[in-house]
Amino acid sequence: MASNTPVEDTIRDKITTAFSPSNLIIRNDSHLHAHHAPMRGSTSRETHFHVTITSEAFKSKMQPARHRMVYALLKEEMDREGGIHALQLRTRTPEEEQREKERQAQA
């Protein structure tokens, strides 16, 4: 049976395999952008994503390097006609995630 979210499934599979994330959140925001001019005529419902990844693979790397890692991983999906048009990333290490949780608990 074919998936209703093949692009999201591919994103999840590739990120899980490459980064072994302790936390992975993928939000498909495509419906919020369907009316934009560049999306007119697009048959894909999977063009805009917000992805949060927590992984040890990001240790000792600055945000731009982390993002380049993810962009390189998803290059094929971003280059494909009807593929990913916009990818918003939030990349962090488990320690950064823990610090954020502690800050939120204190607020």
N, C-alpha and C. Protein backbone atom coordinates (compact mmCIF):
# COMPACT_ATOMS: atom_id res chain seq x y z
N MET A 1 0.85 -1.18 0.00
CA MET A 1 0.00 0.00 0.00
C MET A 1 0.89 1.24 0.00
N ALA A 2 0.58 2.19 -0.87
CA ALA A 2 1.37 3.40 -1.00
C ALA A 2 1.08 4.35 0.17
N SER A 3 2.12 5.02 0.60
CA SER A 3 2.00 5.97 1.70
C SER A 3 1.36 7.26 1.21
N ASN A 4 0.62 7.92 2.10
CA ASN A 4 0.07 9.24 1.80
C ASN A 4 1.09 10.34 2.03
N THR A 5 2.21 9.99 2.64
CA THR A 5 3.25 10.98 2.95
C THR A 5 4.63 10.44 2.55
N PRO A 6 4.85 10.17 1.26
CA PRO A 6 6.12 9.56 0.86
C PRO A 6 7.34 10.46 1.11
N VAL A 7 7.20 11.76 0.94
CA VAL A 7 8.34 12.66 1.17
C VAL A 7 8.67 12.69 2.66
N GLU A 8 7.67 12.83 3.49
CA GLU A 8 7.89 12.82 4.94
C GLU A 8 8.50 11.49 5.39
N ASP A 9 8.02 10.40 4.83
CA ASP A 9 8.57 9.08 5.16
C ASP A 9 10.04 9.00 4.79
N THR A 10 10.40 9.54 3.63
CA THR A 10 11.79 9.52 3.18
C THR A 10 12.66 10.37 4.09
N ILE A 11 12.15 11.56 4.46
CA ILE A 11 12.88 12.43 5.38
C ILE A 11 13.16 11.67 6.68
N ARG A 12 12.13 11.06 7.24
CA ARG A 12 12.26 10.32 8.50
C ARG A 12 13.28 9.18 8.37
N ASP A 13 13.16 8.42 7.30
CA ASP A 13 14.06 7.28 7.10
C ASP A 13 15.51 7.73 6.97
N LYS A 14 15.75 8.72 6.14
CA LYS A 14 17.12 9.18 5.91
C LYS A 14 17.74 9.78 7.17
N ILE A 15 16.98 10.62 7.87
CA ILE A 15 17.51 11.25 9.08
C ILE A 15 17.76 10.21 10.16
N THR A 16 16.85 9.26 10.32
CA THR A 16 17.01 8.21 11.32
C THR A 16 18.25 7.37 11.03
N THR A 17 18.44 7.02 9.79
CA THR A 17 19.60 6.21 9.40
C THR A 17 20.90 6.99 9.57
N ALA A 18 20.93 8.24 9.14
CA ALA A 18 22.17 9.01 9.13
C ALA A 18 22.56 9.54 10.51
N PHE A 19 21.58 9.96 11.32
CA PHE A 19 21.88 10.68 12.55
C PHE A 19 21.47 9.96 13.83
N SER A 20 20.76 8.86 13.75
CA SER A 20 20.27 8.14 14.94
C SER A 20 19.76 9.12 15.99
N PRO A 21 18.76 9.92 15.65
CA PRO A 21 18.31 10.97 16.57
C PRO A 21 17.65 10.40 17.83
N SER A 22 17.87 11.10 18.93
CA SER A 22 17.16 10.75 20.16
C SER A 22 15.78 11.42 20.16
N ASN A 23 15.63 12.43 19.32
CA ASN A 23 14.34 13.11 19.16
C ASN A 23 14.25 13.57 17.71
N LEU A 24 13.13 13.29 17.07
CA LEU A 24 12.90 13.72 15.69
C LEU A 24 11.44 14.13 15.55
N ILE A 25 11.24 15.39 15.20
CA ILE A 25 9.89 15.90 14.98
C ILE A 25 9.85 16.45 13.56
N ILE A 26 8.91 15.95 12.77
CA ILE A 26 8.74 16.43 11.40
C ILE A 26 7.33 16.99 11.29
N ARG A 27 7.25 18.25 10.96
CA ARG A 27 5.95 18.90 10.80
C ARG A 27 5.80 19.33 9.33
N ASN A 28 4.76 18.84 8.70
CA ASN A 28 4.47 19.19 7.31
C ASN A 28 3.62 20.46 7.31
N ASP A 29 4.23 21.57 6.89
CA ASP A 29 3.53 22.85 6.84
C ASP A 29 3.06 23.21 5.44
N SER A 30 3.05 22.26 4.54
CA SER A 30 2.74 22.52 3.13
C SER A 30 1.38 23.17 2.94
N HIS A 31 0.40 22.75 3.71
CA HIS A 31 -0.95 23.31 3.56
C HIS A 31 -0.99 24.82 3.84
N LEU A 32 -0.04 25.31 4.62
CA LEU A 32 0.01 26.74 4.93
C LEU A 32 0.55 27.57 3.76
N HIS A 33 1.16 26.91 2.79
CA HIS A 33 1.81 27.60 1.68
C HIS A 33 1.22 27.26 0.32
N ALA A 34 0.18 26.47 0.29
CA ALA A 34 -0.40 26.00 -0.97
C ALA A 34 -0.87 27.15 -1.85
N HIS A 35 -1.25 28.27 -1.26
CA HIS A 35 -1.76 29.40 -2.04
C HIS A 35 -0.66 30.30 -2.60
N HIS A 36 0.60 30.08 -2.21
CA HIS A 36 1.69 30.93 -2.68
C HIS A 36 1.95 30.70 -4.17
N ALA A 37 2.32 31.75 -4.85
CA ALA A 37 2.53 31.69 -6.30
C ALA A 37 3.45 30.55 -6.75
N PRO A 38 4.59 30.32 -6.10
CA PRO A 38 5.46 29.23 -6.57
C PRO A 38 4.82 27.85 -6.43
N MET A 39 3.79 27.73 -5.60
CA MET A 39 3.17 26.43 -5.37
C MET A 39 1.98 26.18 -6.31
N ARG A 40 1.56 27.21 -7.04
CA ARG A 40 0.45 27.04 -7.98
C ARG A 40 0.82 26.01 -9.03
N GLY A 41 -0.04 25.08 -9.23
CA GLY A 41 0.21 24.04 -10.22
C GLY A 41 0.98 22.85 -9.68
N SER A 42 1.49 22.95 -8.47
CA SER A 42 2.23 21.83 -7.88
C SER A 42 1.24 20.74 -7.49
N THR A 43 1.58 19.53 -7.84
CA THR A 43 0.71 18.41 -7.50
C THR A 43 1.10 17.80 -6.15
N SER A 44 2.22 18.25 -5.60
CA SER A 44 2.69 17.70 -4.34
C SER A 44 2.04 18.40 -3.15
N ARG A 45 1.72 17.63 -2.14
CA ARG A 45 1.23 18.18 -0.88
C ARG A 45 2.31 18.14 0.18
N GLU A 46 3.53 17.88 -0.25
CA GLU A 46 4.65 17.76 0.68
C GLU A 46 5.81 18.61 0.17
N THR A 47 5.73 19.89 0.44
CA THR A 47 6.73 20.83 -0.08
C THR A 47 7.42 21.65 1.01
N HIS A 48 6.77 21.83 2.14
CA HIS A 48 7.28 22.69 3.22
C HIS A 48 7.31 21.90 4.53
N PHE A 49 8.51 21.83 5.13
CA PHE A 49 8.67 21.06 6.35
C PHE A 49 9.43 21.84 7.41
N HIS A 50 9.06 21.60 8.65
CA HIS A 50 9.82 22.07 9.81
C HIS A 50 10.30 20.81 10.52
N VAL A 51 11.63 20.68 10.66
CA VAL A 51 12.20 19.46 11.21
C VAL A 51 13.09 19.80 12.41
N THR A 52 12.82 19.15 13.52
CA THR A 52 13.65 19.27 14.72
C THR A 52 14.37 17.95 14.91
N ILE A 53 15.70 18.03 15.02
CA ILE A 53 16.52 16.84 15.17
C ILE A 53 17.43 17.01 16.38
N THR A 54 17.42 16.05 17.28
CA THR A 54 18.36 16.01 18.39
C THR A 54 19.25 14.80 18.16
N SER A 55 20.57 15.05 18.05
CA SER A 55 21.47 13.95 17.74
C SER A 55 22.88 14.22 18.25
N GLU A 56 23.53 13.15 18.67
CA GLU A 56 24.94 13.21 19.06
C GLU A 56 25.81 13.59 17.85
N ALA A 57 25.33 13.32 16.64
CA ALA A 57 26.09 13.61 15.43
C ALA A 57 26.39 15.10 15.27
N PHE A 58 25.65 15.94 15.99
CA PHE A 58 25.83 17.38 15.88
C PHE A 58 26.83 17.95 16.89
N LYS A 59 27.35 17.09 17.76
CA LYS A 59 28.32 17.56 18.76
C LYS A 59 29.51 18.20 18.07
N SER A 60 29.97 19.29 18.65
CA SER A 60 31.15 20.04 18.21
C SER A 60 30.98 20.65 16.81
N LYS A 61 29.74 20.76 16.33
CA LYS A 61 29.48 21.39 15.04
C LYS A 61 28.59 22.62 15.25
N MET A 62 28.91 23.69 14.55
CA MET A 62 28.10 24.91 14.61
C MET A 62 26.83 24.68 13.79
N GLN A 63 25.81 25.51 14.02
CA GLN A 63 24.52 25.36 13.33
C GLN A 63 24.66 25.30 11.81
N PRO A 64 25.44 26.19 11.17
CA PRO A 64 25.54 26.10 9.71
C PRO A 64 26.05 24.74 9.22
N ALA A 65 27.01 24.17 9.92
CA ALA A 65 27.53 22.86 9.53
C ALA A 65 26.47 21.77 9.72
N ARG A 66 25.71 21.86 10.78
CA ARG A 66 24.64 20.90 11.04
C ARG A 66 23.61 20.96 9.92
N HIS A 67 23.24 22.18 9.55
CA HIS A 67 22.23 22.36 8.50
C HIS A 67 22.75 21.84 7.17
N ARG A 68 24.02 22.09 6.88
CA ARG A 68 24.60 21.57 5.63
C ARG A 68 24.55 20.04 5.61
N MET A 69 24.75 19.41 6.75
CA MET A 69 24.67 17.95 6.84
C MET A 69 23.28 17.46 6.43
N VAL A 70 22.26 18.14 6.93
CA VAL A 70 20.88 17.74 6.62
C VAL A 70 20.55 18.05 5.16
N TYR A 71 20.94 19.24 4.68
CA TYR A 71 20.68 19.59 3.28
C TYR A 71 21.34 18.59 2.33
N ALA A 72 22.56 18.19 2.63
CA ALA A 72 23.27 17.22 1.78
C ALA A 72 22.53 15.88 1.78
N LEU A 73 22.03 15.50 2.94
CA LEU A 73 21.31 14.24 3.07
C LEU A 73 20.02 14.25 2.24
N LEU A 74 19.35 15.40 2.19
CA LEU A 74 18.05 15.50 1.52
C LEU A 74 18.13 16.19 0.16
N LYS A 75 19.34 16.27 -0.40
CA LYS A 75 19.55 16.98 -1.66
C LYS A 75 18.63 16.47 -2.77
N GLU A 76 18.53 15.17 -2.91
CA GLU A 76 17.70 14.60 -3.97
C GLU A 76 16.24 15.03 -3.84
N GLU A 77 15.72 15.02 -2.62
CA GLU A 77 14.33 15.41 -2.39
C GLU A 77 14.12 16.91 -2.61
N MET A 78 15.16 17.70 -2.39
CA MET A 78 15.05 19.15 -2.59
C MET A 78 15.19 19.52 -4.06
N ASP A 79 15.94 18.73 -4.82
CA ASP A 79 16.16 19.02 -6.24
C ASP A 79 15.04 18.51 -7.14
N ARG A 80 14.30 17.54 -6.66
CA ARG A 80 13.26 16.90 -7.46
C ARG A 80 12.08 17.85 -7.71
N GLU A 81 11.54 17.80 -8.92
CA GLU A 81 10.33 18.54 -9.26
C GLU A 81 9.20 18.09 -8.33
N GLY A 82 8.53 19.02 -7.68
CA GLY A 82 7.48 18.68 -6.73
C GLY A 82 8.01 18.18 -5.40
N GLY A 83 9.31 18.33 -5.19
CA GLY A 83 9.92 17.88 -3.94
C GLY A 83 9.88 18.96 -2.87
N ILE A 84 10.84 18.92 -1.98
CA ILE A 84 10.89 19.87 -0.88
C ILE A 84 11.22 21.26 -1.41
N HIS A 85 10.36 22.21 -1.13
CA HIS A 85 10.55 23.60 -1.54
C HIS A 85 11.18 24.41 -0.41
N ALA A 86 10.78 24.11 0.82
CA ALA A 86 11.29 24.84 1.98
C ALA A 86 11.50 23.87 3.14
N LEU A 87 12.65 24.04 3.79
CA LEU A 87 13.01 23.15 4.89
C LEU A 87 13.53 24.00 6.04
N GLN A 88 12.74 24.10 7.09
CA GLN A 88 13.14 24.84 8.29
C GLN A 88 13.70 23.82 9.28
N LEU A 89 14.94 24.06 9.72
CA LEU A 89 15.61 23.10 10.59
C LEU A 89 15.88 23.65 11.98
N ARG A 90 15.78 22.75 12.93
CA ARG A 90 16.22 23.02 14.30
C ARG A 90 17.07 21.82 14.68
N THR A 91 18.37 22.04 14.80
CA THR A 91 19.29 20.96 15.08
C THR A 91 19.97 21.22 16.42
N ARG A 92 20.05 20.18 17.24
CA ARG A 92 20.66 20.35 18.56
C ARG A 92 21.21 19.01 19.05
N THR A 93 22.08 19.12 20.03
CA THR A 93 22.64 17.94 20.68
C THR A 93 21.73 17.58 21.86
N PRO A 94 21.86 16.37 22.39
CA PRO A 94 21.06 16.01 23.57
C PRO A 94 21.30 16.97 24.74
N GLU A 95 22.54 17.45 24.90
CA GLU A 95 22.84 18.39 25.99
C GLU A 95 22.13 19.72 25.78
N GLU A 96 22.09 20.19 24.55
CA GLU A 96 21.39 21.44 24.26
C GLU A 96 19.89 21.28 24.50
N GLU A 97 19.35 20.15 24.14
CA GLU A 97 17.94 19.88 24.37
C GLU A 97 17.65 19.86 25.88
N GLN A 98 18.52 19.23 26.66
CA GLN A 98 18.34 19.16 28.11
C GLN A 98 18.39 20.55 28.73
N ARG A 99 19.35 21.37 28.31
CA ARG A 99 19.45 22.75 28.83
C ARG A 99 18.18 23.55 28.51
N GLU A 100 17.65 23.33 27.32
CA GLU A 100 16.42 24.03 26.94
C GLU A 100 15.25 23.60 27.81
N LYS A 101 15.15 22.31 28.07
CA LYS A 101 14.08 21.81 28.95
C LYS A 101 14.20 22.39 30.36
N GLU A 102 15.42 22.49 30.86
CA GLU A 102 15.65 23.06 32.19
C GLU A 102 15.26 24.54 32.22
N ARG A 103 15.61 25.28 31.17
CA ARG A 103 15.24 26.71 31.10
C ARG A 103 13.73 26.87 31.08
N GLN A 104 13.05 26.01 30.31
CA GLN A 104 11.59 26.10 30.24
C GLN A 104 10.94 25.75 31.56
N ALA A 105 11.54 24.83 32.30
CA ALA A 105 10.99 24.43 33.60
C ALA A 105 11.13 25.56 34.62
N GLN A 106 12.16 26.38 34.47
CA GLN A 106 12.38 27.49 35.38
C GLN A 106 11.52 28.71 35.05
N ALA A 107 11.05 28.77 33.82
CA ALA A 107 10.27 29.95 33.38
C ALA A 107 8.87 29.96 33.94
